[in-house]
PDB file of N, CA and C in Angstrom:
ATOM      1  N   UNK A   1       0.835  -1.172   0.000  1.00  0.00           N
ATOM      2  CA  UNK A   1       0.000   0.000   0.000  1.00  0.00           C
ATOM      3  C   UNK A   1       0.888   1.246   0.000  1.00  0.00           C
ATOM      4  N   UNK A   2       0.475   2.276  -0.711  1.00  0.00           N
ATOM      5  CA  UNK A   2       1.183   3.548  -0.708  1.00  0.00           C
ATOM      6  C   UNK A   2       0.176   4.677  -0.515  1.00  0.00           C
ATOM      7  N   UNK A   3       0.683   5.802  -0.051  1.00  0.00           N
ATOM      8  CA  UNK A   3      -0.185   6.956   0.132  1.00  0.00           C
ATOM      9  C   UNK A   3       0.652   8.219   0.002  1.00  0.00           C
ATOM     10  N   UNK A   4       0.186   9.146  -0.817  1.00  0.00           N
ATOM     11  CA  UNK A   4       0.834  10.439  -0.989  1.00  0.00           C
ATOM     12  C   UNK A   4      -0.124  11.468  -0.397  1.00  0.00           C
ATOM     13  N   UNK A   5       0.108  11.850   0.864  1.00  0.00           N
ATOM     14  CA  UNK A   5      -0.798  12.746   1.577  1.00  0.00           C
ATOM     15  C   UNK A   5       0.018  13.776   2.330  1.00  0.00           C
ATOM     16  N   UNK A   6      -0.331  15.038   2.146  1.00  0.00           N
ATOM     17  CA  UNK A   6       0.334  16.137   2.830  1.00  0.00           C
ATOM     18  C   UNK A   6      -0.719  16.948   3.562  1.00  0.00           C
ATOM     19  N   UNK A   7      -0.423  17.324   4.797  1.00  0.00           N
ATOM     20  CA  UNK A   7      -1.283  18.240   5.552  1.00  0.00           C
ATOM     21  C   UNK A   7      -0.387  19.329   6.124  1.00  0.00           C
ATOM     22  N   UNK A   8      -0.712  20.570   5.790  1.00  0.00           N
ATOM     23  CA  UNK A   8       0.048  21.715   6.279  1.00  0.00           C
ATOM     24  C   UNK A   8      -0.874  22.653   7.043  1.00  0.00           C
ATOM     25  N   UNK A   9      -0.366  23.171   8.144  1.00  0.00           N
ATOM     26  CA  UNK A   9      -1.021  24.270   8.844  1.00  0.00           C
ATOM     27  C   UNK A   9       0.023  25.373   8.907  1.00  0.00           C
ATOM     28  N   UNK A  10      -0.290  26.502   8.298  1.00  0.00           N
ATOM     29  CA  UNK A  10       0.686  27.576   8.258  1.00  0.00           C
ATOM     30  C   UNK A  10       0.049  28.894   7.859  1.00  0.00           C
ATOM     31  N   UNK A  11       0.913  29.822   7.443  1.00  0.00           N
ATOM     32  CA  UNK A  11       0.478  31.169   7.104  1.00  0.00           C
ATOM     33  C   UNK A  11       0.853  31.505   5.667  1.00  0.00           C
ATOM     34  N   UNK A  12      -0.060  32.160   4.968  1.00  0.00           N
ATOM     35  CA  UNK A  12       0.203  32.586   3.591  1.00  0.00           C
ATOM     36  C   UNK A  12       1.298  33.650   3.598  1.00  0.00           C
ATOM     37  N   UNK A  13       2.307  33.461   2.760  1.00  0.00           N
ATOM     38  CA  UNK A  13       3.414  34.406   2.710  1.00  0.00           C
ATOM     39  C   UNK A  13       3.089  35.648   1.908  1.00  0.00           C
ATOM     40  N   UNK A  14       2.352  35.496   0.851  1.00  0.00           N
ATOM     41  CA  UNK A  14       1.940  36.592  -0.021  1.00  0.00           C
ATOM     42  C   UNK A  14       0.544  36.278  -0.529  1.00  0.00           C
ATOM     43  N   UNK A  15      -0.081  37.251  -1.166  1.00  0.00           N
ATOM     44  CA  UNK A  15      -1.370  36.988  -1.796  1.00  0.00           C
ATOM     45  C   UNK A  15      -1.170  35.951  -2.899  1.00  0.00           C
ATOM     46  N   UNK A  16      -2.150  35.074  -3.117  1.00  0.00           N
ATOM     47  CA  UNK A  16      -2.015  34.057  -4.169  1.00  0.00           C
ATOM     48  C   UNK A  16      -1.970  34.701  -5.551  1.00  0.00           C
ATOM     49  N   UNK A  17      -1.322  33.991  -6.490  1.00  0.00           N
ATOM     50  CA  UNK A  17      -1.232  34.483  -7.868  1.00  0.00           C
ATOM     51  C   UNK A  17      -1.659  33.390  -8.827  1.00  0.00           C
ATOM     52  N   UNK A  18      -2.387  33.781  -9.855  1.00  0.00           N
ATOM     53  CA  UNK A  18      -2.808  32.839 -10.897  1.00  0.00           C
ATOM     54  C   UNK A  18      -1.624  32.609 -11.835  1.00  0.00           C
ATOM     55  N   UNK A  19      -1.425  31.349 -12.222  1.00  0.00           N
ATOM     56  CA  UNK A  19      -0.385  31.008 -13.186  1.00  0.00           C
ATOM     57  C   UNK A  19      -1.043  30.947 -14.556  1.00  0.00           C
ATOM     58  N   UNK A  20      -0.700  31.867 -15.436  1.00  0.00           N
ATOM     59  CA  UNK A  20      -1.312  31.911 -16.765  1.00  0.00           C
ATOM     60  C   UNK A  20      -2.744  32.393 -16.694  1.00  0.00           C
ATOM     61  N   UNK A  21      -3.460  32.288 -17.825  1.00  0.00           N
ATOM     62  CA  UNK A  21      -4.844  32.756 -17.879  1.00  0.00           C
ATOM     63  C   UNK A  21      -5.819  31.822 -17.185  1.00  0.00           C
ATOM     64  N   UNK A  22      -5.624  30.510 -17.356  1.00  0.00           N
ATOM     65  CA  UNK A  22      -6.563  29.535 -16.800  1.00  0.00           C
ATOM     66  C   UNK A  22      -5.869  28.511 -15.917  1.00  0.00           C
ATOM     67  N   UNK A  23      -4.653  28.808 -15.512  1.00  0.00           N
ATOM     68  CA  UNK A  23      -3.893  27.873 -14.696  1.00  0.00           C
ATOM     69  C   UNK A  23      -4.309  27.916 -13.234  1.00  0.00           C
ATOM     70  N   UNK A  24      -3.576  27.206 -12.401  1.00  0.00           N
ATOM     71  CA  UNK A  24      -3.905  27.150 -10.974  1.00  0.00           C
ATOM     72  C   UNK A  24      -3.528  28.439 -10.254  1.00  0.00           C
ATOM     73  N   UNK A  25      -4.044  28.581  -9.042  1.00  0.00           N
ATOM     74  CA  UNK A  25      -3.605  29.635  -8.145  1.00  0.00           C
ATOM     75  C   UNK A  25      -2.411  29.079  -7.373  1.00  0.00           C
ATOM     76  N   UNK A  26      -1.385  29.885  -7.254  1.00  0.00           N
ATOM     77  CA  UNK A  26      -0.169  29.485  -6.550  1.00  0.00           C
ATOM     78  C   UNK A  26      -0.070  30.278  -5.257  1.00  0.00           C
ATOM     79  N   UNK A  27       0.202  29.571  -4.159  1.00  0.00           N
ATOM     80  CA  UNK A  27       0.294  30.199  -2.850  1.00  0.00           C
ATOM     81  C   UNK A  27       1.496  29.636  -2.109  1.00  0.00           C
ATOM     82  N   UNK A  28       2.273  30.510  -1.489  1.00  0.00           N
ATOM     83  CA  UNK A  28       3.378  30.089  -0.629  1.00  0.00           C
ATOM     84  C   UNK A  28       2.885  30.072   0.807  1.00  0.00           C
ATOM     85  N   UNK A  29       3.111  28.947   1.476  1.00  0.00           N
ATOM     86  CA  UNK A  29       2.696  28.784   2.868  1.00  0.00           C
ATOM     87  C   UNK A  29       3.933  28.527   3.720  1.00  0.00           C
ATOM     88  N   UNK A  30       4.032  29.255   4.838  1.00  0.00           N
ATOM     89  CA  UNK A  30       5.145  29.090   5.765  1.00  0.00           C
ATOM     90  C   UNK A  30       4.714  28.230   6.948  1.00  0.00           C
ATOM     91  N   UNK A  31       5.563  27.262   7.284  1.00  0.00           N
ATOM     92  CA  UNK A  31       5.385  26.482   8.509  1.00  0.00           C
ATOM     93  C   UNK A  31       6.666  26.644   9.324  1.00  0.00           C
ATOM     94  N   UNK A  32       6.528  26.681  10.632  1.00  0.00           N
ATOM     95  CA  UNK A  32       7.690  26.891  11.488  1.00  0.00           C
ATOM     96  C   UNK A  32       7.747  25.822  12.560  1.00  0.00           C
ATOM     97  N   UNK A  33       8.898  25.162  12.664  1.00  0.00           N
ATOM     98  CA  UNK A  33       9.161  24.194  13.731  1.00  0.00           C
ATOM     99  C   UNK A  33       9.960  24.902  14.811  1.00  0.00           C
ATOM    100  N   UNK A  34       9.606  24.648  16.075  1.00  0.00           N
ATOM    101  CA  UNK A  34      10.317  25.229  17.209  1.00  0.00           C
ATOM    102  C   UNK A  34      10.747  24.117  18.156  1.00  0.00           C
ATOM    103  N   UNK A  35      11.956  24.247  18.712  1.00  0.00           N
ATOM    104  CA  UNK A  35      12.471  23.256  19.639  1.00  0.00           C
ATOM    105  C   UNK A  35      13.535  23.890  20.528  1.00  0.00           C
ATOM    106  N   UNK A  36      13.833  23.209  21.624  1.00  0.00           N
ATOM    107  CA  UNK A  36      14.920  23.639  22.512  1.00  0.00           C
ATOM    108  C   UNK A  36      16.185  22.868  22.137  1.00  0.00           C
ATOM    109  N   UNK A  37      17.269  23.590  22.015  1.00  0.00           N
ATOM    110  CA  UNK A  37      18.545  22.930  21.711  1.00  0.00           C
ATOM    111  C   UNK A  37      19.140  22.355  22.994  1.00  0.00           C
ATOM    112  N   UNK A  38      20.349  21.799  22.904  1.00  0.00           N
ATOM    113  CA  UNK A  38      20.959  21.124  24.048  1.00  0.00           C
ATOM    114  C   UNK A  38      21.255  22.067  25.209  1.00  0.00           C
ATOM    115  N   UNK A  39      21.349  23.384  24.941  1.00  0.00           N
ATOM    116  CA  UNK A  39      21.582  24.352  26.023  1.00  0.00           C
ATOM    117  C   UNK A  39      20.277  24.935  26.557  1.00  0.00           C
ATOM    118  N   UNK A  40      19.136  24.461  26.046  1.00  0.00           N
ATOM    119  CA  UNK A  40      17.846  24.926  26.533  1.00  0.00           C
ATOM    120  C   UNK A  40      17.316  26.162  25.816  1.00  0.00           C
ATOM    121  N   UNK A  41      18.040  26.665  24.831  1.00  0.00           N
ATOM    122  CA  UNK A  41      17.602  27.844  24.077  1.00  0.00           C
ATOM    123  C   UNK A  41      16.620  27.436  22.987  1.00  0.00           C
ATOM    124  N   UNK A  42      15.598  28.284  22.778  1.00  0.00           N
ATOM    125  CA  UNK A  42      14.630  28.017  21.728  1.00  0.00           C
ATOM    126  C   UNK A  42      15.254  28.275  20.367  1.00  0.00           C
ATOM    127  N   UNK A  43      15.006  27.354  19.456  1.00  0.00           N
ATOM    128  CA  UNK A  43      15.443  27.469  18.056  1.00  0.00           C
ATOM    129  C   UNK A  43      14.196  27.355  17.181  1.00  0.00           C
ATOM    130  N   UNK A  44      14.294  27.877  15.977  1.00  0.00           N
ATOM    131  CA  UNK A  44      13.184  27.694  15.041  1.00  0.00           C
ATOM    132  C   UNK A  44      13.708  27.646  13.615  1.00  0.00           C
ATOM    133  N   UNK A  45      12.926  26.966  12.784  1.00  0.00           N
ATOM    134  CA  UNK A  45      13.245  26.856  11.354  1.00  0.00           C
ATOM    135  C   UNK A  45      11.934  26.986  10.590  1.00  0.00           C
ATOM    136  N   UNK A  46      11.905  27.932   9.656  1.00  0.00           N
ATOM    137  CA  UNK A  46      10.716  28.144   8.834  1.00  0.00           C
ATOM    138  C   UNK A  46      10.942  27.528   7.461  1.00  0.00           C
ATOM    139  N   UNK A  47       9.975  26.751   7.016  1.00  0.00           N
ATOM    140  CA  UNK A  47       9.989  26.152   5.678  1.00  0.00           C
ATOM    141  C   UNK A  47       8.901  26.820   4.851  1.00  0.00           C
ATOM    142  N   UNK A  48       9.192  27.041   3.576  1.00  0.00           N
ATOM    143  CA  UNK A  48       8.215  27.613   2.645  1.00  0.00           C
ATOM    144  C   UNK A  48       7.762  26.522   1.690  1.00  0.00           C
ATOM    145  N   UNK A  49       6.455  26.400   1.521  1.00  0.00           N
ATOM    146  CA  UNK A  49       5.855  25.364   0.688  1.00  0.00           C
ATOM    147  C   UNK A  49       5.054  26.024  -0.429  1.00  0.00           C
ATOM    148  N   UNK A  50       5.239  25.539  -1.646  1.00  0.00           N
ATOM    149  CA  UNK A  50       4.459  26.026  -2.779  1.00  0.00           C
ATOM    150  C   UNK A  50       3.242  25.128  -2.936  1.00  0.00           C
ATOM    151  N   UNK A  51       2.050  25.756  -2.919  1.00  0.00           N
ATOM    152  CA  UNK A  51       0.800  25.001  -3.023  1.00  0.00           C
ATOM    153  C   UNK A  51       0.046  25.491  -4.254  1.00  0.00           C
ATOM    154  N   UNK A  52      -0.450  24.544  -5.054  1.00  0.00           N
ATOM    155  CA  UNK A  52      -1.237  24.866  -6.244  1.00  0.00           C
ATOM    156  C   UNK A  52      -2.688  24.464  -6.011  1.00  0.00           C
ATOM    157  N   UNK A  53      -3.604  25.389  -6.331  1.00  0.00           N
ATOM    158  CA  UNK A  53      -5.038  25.170  -6.166  1.00  0.00           C
ATOM    159  C   UNK A  53      -5.688  25.222  -7.539  1.00  0.00           C
ATOM    160  N   UNK A  54      -6.549  24.259  -7.831  1.00  0.00           N
ATOM    161  CA  UNK A  54      -7.217  24.155  -9.125  1.00  0.00           C
ATOM    162  C   UNK A  54      -8.722  24.296  -8.944  1.00  0.00           C
ATOM    163  N   UNK A  55      -9.427  24.606 -10.034  1.00  0.00           N
ATOM    164  CA  UNK A  55     -10.886  24.597 -10.056  1.00  0.00           C
ATOM    165  C   UNK A  55     -11.512  25.514  -9.025  1.00  0.00           C
ATOM    166  N   UNK A  56     -12.522  24.982  -8.344  1.00  0.00           N
ATOM    167  CA  UNK A  56     -13.269  25.756  -7.344  1.00  0.00           C
ATOM    168  C   UNK A  56     -12.362  26.277  -6.231  1.00  0.00           C
ATOM    169  N   UNK A  57     -11.400  25.454  -5.801  1.00  0.00           N
ATOM    170  CA  UNK A  57     -10.489  25.896  -4.742  1.00  0.00           C
ATOM    171  C   UNK A  57      -9.663  27.106  -5.176  1.00  0.00           C
ATOM    172  N   UNK A  58      -9.290  27.163  -6.452  1.00  0.00           N
ATOM    173  CA  UNK A  58      -8.520  28.313  -6.947  1.00  0.00           C
ATOM    174  C   UNK A  58      -9.324  29.595  -6.768  1.00  0.00           C
ATOM    175  N   UNK A  59     -10.614  29.544  -7.064  1.00  0.00           N
ATOM    176  CA  UNK A  59     -11.470  30.714  -6.891  1.00  0.00           C
ATOM    177  C   UNK A  59     -11.595  31.128  -5.441  1.00  0.00           C
ATOM    178  N   UNK A  60     -11.741  30.145  -4.549  1.00  0.00           N
ATOM    179  CA  UNK A  60     -11.865  30.429  -3.121  1.00  0.00           C
ATOM    180  C   UNK A  60     -10.578  31.066  -2.601  1.00  0.00           C
ATOM    181  N   UNK A  61      -9.455  30.505  -2.995  1.00  0.00           N
ATOM    182  CA  UNK A  61      -8.164  31.046  -2.552  1.00  0.00           C
ATOM    183  C   UNK A  61      -7.998  32.474  -3.052  1.00  0.00           C
ATOM    184  N   UNK A  62      -8.338  32.716  -4.317  1.00  0.00           N
ATOM    185  CA  UNK A  62      -8.216  34.051  -4.874  1.00  0.00           C
ATOM    186  C   UNK A  62      -9.079  35.082  -4.169  1.00  0.00           C
ATOM    187  N   UNK A  63     -10.250  34.660  -3.691  1.00  0.00           N
ATOM    188  CA  UNK A  63     -11.179  35.580  -3.024  1.00  0.00           C
ATOM    189  C   UNK A  63     -10.897  35.769  -1.542  1.00  0.00           C
ATOM    190  N   UNK A  64     -10.452  34.719  -0.855  1.00  0.00           N
ATOM    191  CA  UNK A  64     -10.431  34.753   0.606  1.00  0.00           C
ATOM    192  C   UNK A  64      -9.053  34.719   1.261  1.00  0.00           C
ATOM    193  N   UNK A  65      -8.014  34.340   0.536  1.00  0.00           N
ATOM    194  CA  UNK A  65      -6.700  34.214   1.163  1.00  0.00           C
ATOM    195  C   UNK A  65      -5.855  35.445   0.829  1.00  0.00           C
ATOM    196  N   UNK A  66      -5.296  36.026   1.872  1.00  0.00           N
ATOM    197  CA  UNK A  66      -4.406  37.174   1.741  1.00  0.00           C
ATOM    198  C   UNK A  66      -3.122  36.873   2.497  1.00  0.00           C
ATOM    199  N   UNK A  67      -2.134  37.720   2.323  1.00  0.00           N
ATOM    200  CA  UNK A  67      -0.885  37.579   3.056  1.00  0.00           C
ATOM    201  C   UNK A  67      -1.181  37.509   4.556  1.00  0.00           C
ATOM    202  N   UNK A  68      -0.601  36.516   5.211  1.00  0.00           N
ATOM    203  CA  UNK A  68      -0.776  36.365   6.654  1.00  0.00           C
ATOM    204  C   UNK A  68      -1.931  35.501   7.082  1.00  0.00           C
ATOM    205  N   UNK A  69      -2.794  35.071   6.160  1.00  0.00           N
ATOM    206  CA  UNK A  69      -3.931  34.218   6.515  1.00  0.00           C
ATOM    207  C   UNK A  69      -3.441  32.880   7.061  1.00  0.00           C
ATOM    208  N   UNK A  70      -4.121  32.407   8.094  1.00  0.00           N
ATOM    209  CA  UNK A  70      -3.817  31.119   8.705  1.00  0.00           C
ATOM    210  C   UNK A  70      -4.654  30.062   7.996  1.00  0.00           C
ATOM    211  N   UNK A  71      -4.012  29.043   7.422  1.00  0.00           N
ATOM    212  CA  UNK A  71      -4.721  28.050   6.626  1.00  0.00           C
ATOM    213  C   UNK A  71      -4.264  26.634   6.954  1.00  0.00           C
ATOM    214  N   UNK A  72      -5.164  25.693   6.700  1.00  0.00           N
ATOM    215  CA  UNK A  72      -4.840  24.275   6.722  1.00  0.00           C
ATOM    216  C   UNK A  72      -5.111  23.762   5.314  1.00  0.00           C
ATOM    217  N   UNK A  73      -4.126  23.102   4.727  1.00  0.00           N
ATOM    218  CA  UNK A  73      -4.230  22.576   3.371  1.00  0.00           C
ATOM    219  C   UNK A  73      -3.900  21.097   3.390  1.00  0.00           C
ATOM    220  N   UNK A  74      -4.694  20.294   2.699  1.00  0.00           N
ATOM    221  CA  UNK A  74      -4.333  18.900   2.461  1.00  0.00           C
ATOM    222  C   UNK A  74      -4.211  18.693   0.960  1.00  0.00           C
ATOM    223  N   UNK A  75      -3.363  17.751   0.581  1.00  0.00           N
ATOM    224  CA  UNK A  75      -3.164  17.470  -0.834  1.00  0.00           C
ATOM    225  C   UNK A  75      -2.107  16.408  -1.017  1.00  0.00           C
ATOM    226  N   UNK A  76      -1.474  16.439  -2.178  1.00  0.00           N
ATOM    227  CA  UNK A  76      -0.425  15.468  -2.484  1.00  0.00           C
ATOM    228  C   UNK A  76       0.836  16.198  -2.933  1.00  0.00           C
ATOM    229  N   UNK A  77       1.963  15.563  -2.699  1.00  0.00           N
ATOM    230  CA  UNK A  77       3.267  16.119  -3.058  1.00  0.00           C
ATOM    231  C   UNK A  77       3.640  15.648  -4.455  1.00  0.00           C
ATOM    232  N   UNK A  78       4.012  16.604  -5.308  1.00  0.00           N
ATOM    233  CA  UNK A  78       4.408  16.265  -6.677  1.00  0.00           C
ATOM    234  C   UNK A  78       5.682  17.005  -7.033  1.00  0.00           C
ATOM    235  N   UNK A  79       6.484  16.383  -7.871  1.00  0.00           N
ATOM    236  CA  UNK A  79       7.710  17.020  -8.355  1.00  0.00           C
ATOM    237  C   UNK A  79       7.566  17.312  -9.838  1.00  0.00           C
ATOM    238  N   UNK A  80       8.305  18.317 -10.280  1.00  0.00           N
ATOM    239  CA  UNK A  80       8.400  18.589 -11.710  1.00  0.00           C
ATOM    240  C   UNK A  80       9.789  19.130 -11.990  1.00  0.00           C
ATOM    241  N   UNK A  81      10.217  18.947 -13.221  1.00  0.00           N
ATOM    242  CA  UNK A  81      11.537  19.404 -13.624  1.00  0.00           C
ATOM    243  C   UNK A  81      11.415  20.462 -14.705  1.00  0.00           C
ATOM    244  N   UNK A  82      12.385  21.358 -14.713  1.00  0.00           N
ATOM    245  CA  UNK A  82      12.445  22.371 -15.762  1.00  0.00           C
ATOM    246  C   UNK A  82      13.903  22.736 -15.995  1.00  0.00           C
ATOM    247  N   UNK A  83      14.159  23.334 -17.151  1.00  0.00           N
ATOM    248  CA  UNK A  83      15.499  23.813 -17.486  1.00  0.00           C
ATOM    249  C   UNK A  83      15.477  25.338 -17.457  1.00  0.00           C
ATOM    250  N   UNK A  84      16.494  25.934 -16.839  1.00  0.00           N
ATOM    251  CA  UNK A  84      16.563  27.394 -16.788  1.00  0.00           C
ATOM    252  C   UNK A  84      17.155  27.937 -18.092  1.00  0.00           C
ATOM    253  N   UNK A  85      17.389  29.238 -18.146  1.00  0.00           N
ATOM    254  CA  UNK A  85      17.901  29.879 -19.370  1.00  0.00           C
ATOM    255  C   UNK A  85      19.275  29.386 -19.783  1.00  0.00           C
ATOM    256  N   UNK A  86      20.012  28.819 -18.829  1.00  0.00           N
ATOM    257  CA  UNK A  86      21.346  28.280 -19.133  1.00  0.00           C
ATOM    258  C   UNK A  86      21.320  26.764 -19.298  1.00  0.00           C
ATOM    259  N   UNK A  87      20.146  26.210 -19.496  1.00  0.00           N
ATOM    260  CA  UNK A  87      19.932  24.769 -19.709  1.00  0.00           C
ATOM    261  C   UNK A  87      20.283  23.900 -18.503  1.00  0.00           C
ATOM    262  N   UNK A  88      20.329  24.481 -17.320  1.00  0.00           N
ATOM    263  CA  UNK A  88      20.523  23.689 -16.111  1.00  0.00           C
ATOM    264  C   UNK A  88      19.175  23.118 -15.691  1.00  0.00           C
ATOM    265  N   UNK A  89      19.160  21.828 -15.347  1.00  0.00           N
ATOM    266  CA  UNK A  89      17.923  21.159 -14.940  1.00  0.00           C
ATOM    267  C   UNK A  89      17.686  21.394 -13.455  1.00  0.00           C
ATOM    268  N   UNK A  90      16.439  21.657 -13.101  1.00  0.00           N
ATOM    269  CA  UNK A  90      16.039  21.864 -11.712  1.00  0.00           C
ATOM    270  C   UNK A  90      14.814  21.016 -11.416  1.00  0.00           C
ATOM    271  N   UNK A  91      14.697  20.569 -10.175  1.00  0.00           N
ATOM    272  CA  UNK A  91      13.517  19.859  -9.715  1.00  0.00           C
ATOM    273  C   UNK A  91      12.872  20.683  -8.612  1.00  0.00           C
ATOM    274  N   UNK A  92      11.574  20.888  -8.710  1.00  0.00           N
ATOM    275  CA  UNK A  92      10.823  21.585  -7.665  1.00  0.00           C
ATOM    276  C   UNK A  92       9.741  20.649  -7.139  1.00  0.00           C
ATOM    277  N   UNK A  93       9.402  20.837  -5.882  1.00  0.00           N
ATOM    278  CA  UNK A  93       8.369  20.046  -5.224  1.00  0.00           C
ATOM    279  C   UNK A  93       7.219  20.973  -4.881  1.00  0.00           C
ATOM    280  N   UNK A  94       6.019  20.555  -5.240  1.00  0.00           N
ATOM    281  CA  UNK A  94       4.824  21.368  -5.021  1.00  0.00           C
ATOM    282  C   UNK A  94       3.728  20.507  -4.416  1.00  0.00           C
ATOM    283  N   UNK A  95       2.855  21.145  -3.673  1.00  0.00           N
ATOM    284  CA  UNK A  95       1.696  20.460  -3.117  1.00  0.00           C
ATOM    285  C   UNK A  95       0.500  20.796  -3.990  1.00  0.00           C
ATOM    286  N   UNK A  96      -0.172  19.776  -4.488  1.00  0.00           N
ATOM    287  CA  UNK A  96      -1.406  19.955  -5.251  1.00  0.00           C
ATOM    288  C   UNK A  96      -2.555  19.797  -4.260  1.00  0.00           C
ATOM    289  N   UNK A  97      -3.208  20.911  -3.953  1.00  0.00           N
ATOM    290  CA  UNK A  97      -4.208  20.946  -2.882  1.00  0.00           C
ATOM    291  C   UNK A  97      -5.476  20.202  -3.263  1.00  0.00           C
ATOM    292  N   UNK A  98      -6.042  19.512  -2.280  1.00  0.00           N
ATOM    293  CA  UNK A  98      -7.352  18.864  -2.408  1.00  0.00           C
ATOM    294  C   UNK A  98      -8.393  19.592  -1.571  1.00  0.00           C
ATOM    295  N   UNK A  99      -7.983  20.025  -0.391  1.00  0.00           N
ATOM    296  CA  UNK A  99      -8.898  20.665   0.551  1.00  0.00           C
ATOM    297  C   UNK A  99      -8.226  21.869   1.200  1.00  0.00           C
ATOM    298  N   UNK A 100      -9.052  22.797   1.644  1.00  0.00           N
ATOM    299  CA  UNK A 100      -8.580  24.023   2.280  1.00  0.00           C
ATOM    300  C   UNK A 100      -9.492  24.341   3.450  1.00  0.00           C
ATOM    301  N   UNK A 101      -8.908  24.683   4.575  1.00  0.00           N
ATOM    302  CA  UNK A 101      -9.656  25.169   5.725  1.00  0.00           C
ATOM    303  C   UNK A 101      -9.057  26.514   6.098  1.00  0.00           C
ATOM    304  N   UNK A 102      -9.885  27.545   6.075  1.00  0.00           N
ATOM    305  CA  UNK A 102      -9.447  28.881   6.468  1.00  0.00           C
ATOM    306  C   UNK A 102      -9.567  28.973   7.979  1.00  0.00           C
ATOM    307  N   UNK A 103      -8.446  29.187   8.663  1.00  0.00           N
ATOM    308  CA  UNK A 103      -8.423  29.123  10.120  1.00  0.00           C
ATOM    309  C   UNK A 103      -8.646  30.467  10.793  1.00  0.00           C
ATOM    310  N   UNK A 104      -8.616  31.550  10.046  1.00  0.00           N
ATOM    311  CA  UNK A 104      -8.920  32.857  10.622  1.00  0.00           C
ATOM    312  C   UNK A 104     -10.416  32.944  10.870  1.00  0.00           C
ATOM    313  N   UNK A 105     -10.865  33.665  11.878  1.00  0.00           N
ATOM    314  CA  UNK A 105     -12.290  33.784  12.220  1.00  0.00           C
ATOM    315  C   UNK A 105     -12.966  34.854  11.392  1.00  0.00           C
ATOM    316  N   UNK A 106     -14.214  34.782  11.057  1.00  0.00           N
ATOM    317  CA  UNK A 106     -15.010  33.563  10.937  1.00  0.00           C
ATOM    318  C   UNK A 106     -14.829  33.015   9.530  1.00  0.00           C
ATOM    319  N   UNK A 107     -14.689  31.721   9.383  1.00  0.00           N
ATOM    320  CA  UNK A 107     -14.432  31.158   8.072  1.00  0.00           C
ATOM    321  C   UNK A 107     -15.122  29.827   7.883  1.00  0.00           C
ATOM    322  N   UNK A 108     -15.480  29.506   6.646  1.00  0.00           N
ATOM    323  CA  UNK A 108     -16.006  28.175   6.348  1.00  0.00           C
ATOM    324  C   UNK A 108     -14.866  27.240   5.964  1.00  0.00           C
ATOM    325  N   UNK A 109     -15.128  25.948   5.952  1.00  0.00           N
ATOM    326  CA  UNK A 109     -14.172  25.031   5.355  1.00  0.00           C
ATOM    327  C   UNK A 109     -14.608  24.823   3.922  1.00  0.00           C
ATOM    328  N   UNK A 110     -13.644  24.570   3.063  1.00  0.00           N
ATOM    329  CA  UNK A 110     -13.940  24.448   1.640  1.00  0.00           C
ATOM    330  C   UNK A 110     -13.248  23.205   1.124  1.00  0.00           C
ATOM    331  N   UNK A 111     -13.953  22.437   0.295  1.00  0.00           N
ATOM    332  CA  UNK A 111     -13.322  21.298  -0.351  1.00  0.00           C
ATOM    333  C   UNK A 111     -13.785  21.237  -1.800  1.00  0.00           C
ATOM    334  N   UNK A 112     -13.269  20.274  -2.520  1.00  0.00           N
ATOM    335  CA  UNK A 112     -13.571  20.178  -3.949  1.00  0.00           C
ATOM    336  C   UNK A 112     -14.992  19.721  -4.233  1.00  0.00           C
ATOM    337  N   UNK A 113     -15.680  19.161  -3.251  1.00  0.00           N
ATOM    338  CA  UNK A 113     -17.042  18.688  -3.470  1.00  0.00           C
ATOM    339  C   UNK A 113     -17.984  19.878  -3.601  1.00  0.00           C
ATOM    340  N   UNK A 114     -19.102  19.668  -4.219  1.00  0.00           N
ATOM    341  CA  UNK A 114     -20.089  20.724  -4.369  1.00  0.00           C
ATOM    342  C   UNK A 114     -21.039  20.750  -3.176  1.00  0.00           C
ATOM    343  N   UNK A 115     -20.485  20.652  -1.998  1.00  0.00           N
ATOM    344  CA  UNK A 115     -21.274  20.683  -0.779  1.00  0.00           C
ATOM    345  C   UNK A 115     -21.296  22.108  -0.246  1.00  0.00           C
ATOM    346  N   UNK A 116     -22.323  22.470   0.517  1.00  0.00           N
ATOM    347  CA  UNK A 116     -22.318  23.798   1.115  1.00  0.00           C
ATOM    348  C   UNK A 116     -21.183  23.903   2.129  1.00  0.00           C
ATOM    349  N   UNK A 117     -20.634  25.101   2.327  1.00  0.00           N
ATOM    350  CA  UNK A 117     -19.534  25.244   3.290  1.00  0.00           C
ATOM    351  C   UNK A 117     -19.984  24.928   4.706  1.00  0.00           C
ATOM    352  N   UNK A 118     -19.047  24.427   5.511  1.00  0.00           N
ATOM    353  CA  UNK A 118     -19.321  24.121   6.899  1.00  0.00           C
ATOM    354  C   UNK A 118     -18.921  25.339   7.718  1.00  0.00           C
ATOM    355  N   UNK A 119     -19.846  25.833   8.522  1.00  0.00           N
ATOM    356  CA  UNK A 119     -19.549  27.003   9.346  1.00  0.00           C
ATOM    357  C   UNK A 119     -18.734  26.597  10.553  1.00  0.00           C
ATOM    358  N   UNK A 120     -17.817  27.489  10.969  1.00  0.00           N
ATOM    359  CA  UNK A 120     -17.019  27.241  12.154  1.00  0.00           C
ATOM    360  C   UNK A 120     -17.937  27.219  13.370  1.00  0.00           C
ATOM    361  N   UNK A 121     -17.727  26.288  14.306  1.00  0.00           N
ATOM    362  CA  UNK A 121     -18.588  26.230  15.484  1.00  0.00           C
ATOM    363  C   UNK A 121     -18.391  27.474  16.346  1.00  0.00           C
ATOM    364  N   UNK A 122     -19.450  27.885  17.021  1.00  0.00           N
ATOM    365  CA  UNK A 122     -19.355  29.020  17.939  1.00  0.00           C
ATOM    366  C   UNK A 122     -19.393  28.496  19.365  1.00  0.00           C
ATOM    367  N   UNK A 123     -18.667  29.168  20.234  1.00  0.00           N
ATOM    368  CA  UNK A 123     -18.593  28.754  21.616  1.00  0.00           C
ATOM    369  C   UNK A 123     -19.805  29.274  22.366  1.00  0.00           C
ATOM    370  N   UNK A 124     -20.420  28.402  23.155  1.00  0.00           N
ATOM    371  CA  UNK A 124     -21.565  28.818  23.968  1.00  0.00           C
ATOM    372  C   UNK A 124     -21.147  28.883  25.427  1.00  0.00           C
ATOM    373  N   UNK A 125     -21.774  29.762  26.152  1.00  0.00           N
ATOM    374  CA  UNK A 125     -21.404  29.976  27.553  1.00  0.00           C
ATOM    375  C   UNK A 125     -21.854  28.881  28.463  1.00  0.00           C
TER     376      UNK A 125
END
């Protein structure tokens, strides 16, 4: 059995951008790991992830995601290769999104299905 599944919780680095006229929306998401080193000092490392959104999700991302938005994305990891202007080959890794949850208040969850959005629960006293 194999499974290609990615789940990220992070922050949008910049506003999303459409690739081409009808291509996907591209979004950079930052995730940060924090830990204590051997001397007890806090350390951190931020990773930047390129996420591509297609179809209905591309529209939602374009309308609702801005720089700094807190998001949860699930999808699959894919690689692609390209040659630069000097014919050097490069490999990039991208996440092809399946689902998106906007974590800033108040927000719905959004997925590729044609289901109505799920409203965030409200706390009762």
